[in-house]
Amino acid sequence: MISTIDCLDVMVKLAEDGNLTKAVLADSLTPEARYAFLDKCAAIEQRLTTQCSATGETCLESGCALEGEACLNAVLKADIEYHKACAAEWLSFFSDPANRSEGWSI
């Protein structure tokens, strides 16, 4: 039989390895923590967009189409590193049991 503690450990490991999406991670948090977590992920997306644009290798010849906005292509290029970065932010919330959604409370 798998205990709740084992499930928590597995989830944390999957997240740390970049194998869980921000949507999955967000669902494990209370609404308040979820909004804060998604804000952190948005900041990561913005940073990735800025870094991508700075390389000069933009999606369009004329430059980045999303000045001031987050670009999906930049996030997709980052792939697992993006998921790991969001997971690190998620862990700062999830490590406090008060931030866990009802299904993840122990």
Protein backbone atom coordinates (compact mmCIF):
# COMPACT_ATOMS: atom_id res chain seq x y z
CA MET A 1 0.00 0.00 0.00
CA ILE A 2 1.27 3.47 -0.90
CA SER A 3 1.10 6.03 1.88
CA THR A 4 0.31 9.72 1.49
CA ILE A 5 3.91 10.49 2.44
CA ASP A 6 5.14 8.28 -0.41
CA CYS A 7 2.82 10.11 -2.83
CA LEU A 8 4.13 13.47 -1.64
CA ASP A 9 7.72 12.32 -2.09
CA VAL A 10 6.99 11.04 -5.59
CA MET A 11 5.24 14.26 -6.57
CA VAL A 12 8.10 16.40 -5.28
CA LYS A 13 10.66 14.27 -7.14
CA LEU A 14 8.66 14.41 -10.38
CA ALA A 15 8.35 18.18 -10.03
CA GLU A 16 12.04 18.70 -9.26
CA ASP A 17 12.97 16.65 -12.32
CA GLY A 18 10.79 18.88 -14.51
CA ASN A 19 8.22 16.19 -15.26
CA LEU A 20 5.12 18.07 -14.10
CA THR A 21 3.49 21.05 -15.77
CA LYS A 22 2.62 24.24 -13.95
CA ALA A 23 -1.08 23.33 -14.30
CA VAL A 24 -0.56 20.07 -12.42
CA LEU A 25 1.50 21.81 -9.76
CA ALA A 26 -0.99 24.66 -9.41
CA ASP A 27 -3.83 22.21 -8.82
CA SER A 28 -2.07 20.96 -5.70
CA LEU A 29 -2.17 24.40 -4.06
CA THR A 30 -4.85 26.41 -2.29
CA PRO A 31 -6.34 29.22 -4.39
CA GLU A 32 -4.26 31.88 -2.64
CA ALA A 33 -1.00 29.98 -3.06
CA ARG A 34 -1.98 29.00 -6.61
CA TYR A 35 -2.27 32.64 -7.71
CA ALA A 36 1.07 33.51 -6.13
CA PHE A 37 2.69 30.46 -7.75
CA LEU A 38 1.30 31.33 -11.18
CA ASP A 39 2.64 34.87 -10.77
CA LYS A 40 6.10 33.38 -10.12
CA CYS A 41 5.80 31.23 -13.26
CA ALA A 42 4.73 34.29 -15.25
CA ALA A 43 7.89 36.07 -14.11
CA ILE A 44 9.95 33.08 -15.28
CA GLU A 45 8.16 33.18 -18.65
CA GLN A 46 8.89 36.89 -18.96
CA ARG A 47 12.56 36.34 -18.11
CA LEU A 48 12.82 33.57 -20.73
CA THR A 49 11.21 35.86 -23.31
CA THR A 50 13.66 38.65 -22.52
CA GLN A 51 16.61 36.24 -22.73
CA CYS A 52 15.38 34.84 -26.03
CA SER A 53 14.85 38.28 -27.53
CA ALA A 54 18.35 39.34 -26.42
CA THR A 55 19.95 36.57 -28.50
CA GLY A 56 18.77 38.24 -31.69
CA GLU A 57 17.40 34.90 -32.90
CA THR A 58 13.77 35.90 -32.76
CA CYS A 59 10.87 34.05 -34.36
CA LEU A 60 10.29 36.93 -36.79
CA GLU A 61 12.91 38.68 -38.91
CA SER A 62 11.62 42.02 -37.67
CA GLY A 63 12.19 41.07 -34.03
CA CYS A 64 10.14 39.76 -31.19
CA ALA A 65 6.40 40.04 -31.79
CA LEU A 66 5.61 40.13 -28.11
CA GLU A 67 7.42 43.15 -26.72
CA GLY A 68 6.58 43.29 -23.03
CA GLU A 69 4.65 40.01 -23.12
CA ALA A 70 5.65 36.40 -22.47
CA CYS A 71 6.36 34.35 -25.58
CA LEU A 72 5.31 30.72 -25.83
CA ASN A 73 8.22 29.94 -28.16
CA ALA A 74 10.74 31.09 -25.57
CA VAL A 75 9.09 28.88 -22.96
CA LEU A 76 8.98 25.92 -25.34
CA LYS A 77 12.67 26.37 -26.15
CA ALA A 78 13.50 26.26 -22.45
CA ASP A 79 11.49 23.03 -22.14
CA ILE A 80 12.43 21.05 -19.02
CA GLU A 81 14.44 23.93 -17.53
CA TYR A 82 11.23 25.98 -17.48
CA HIS A 83 9.39 23.18 -15.71
CA LYS A 84 12.22 22.84 -13.19
CA ALA A 85 12.21 26.58 -12.52
CA CYS A 86 8.45 26.58 -11.92
CA ALA A 87 8.82 23.48 -9.74
CA ALA A 88 11.37 25.26 -7.55
CA GLU A 89 8.86 28.07 -7.01
CA TRP A 90 6.07 25.55 -6.41
CA LEU A 91 8.13 23.75 -3.78
CA SER A 92 8.46 26.96 -1.78
CA PHE A 93 4.65 26.99 -1.51
CA PHE A 94 3.96 23.26 -1.31
CA SER A 95 6.48 22.72 1.49
CA ASP A 96 4.06 24.56 3.78
CA PRO A 97 1.09 22.22 4.38
CA ALA A 98 -1.17 25.27 4.80
CA ASN A 99 -0.67 26.01 1.08
CA ARG A 100 -1.74 22.55 -0.11
CA SER A 101 -5.15 21.93 -1.61
CA GLU A 102 -7.50 19.71 0.32
CA GLY A 103 -6.50 16.56 -1.57
CA TRP A 104 -2.84 17.00 -0.60
CA SER A 105 -3.27 17.86 3.07
CA ILE A 106 -2.00 15.35 5.59
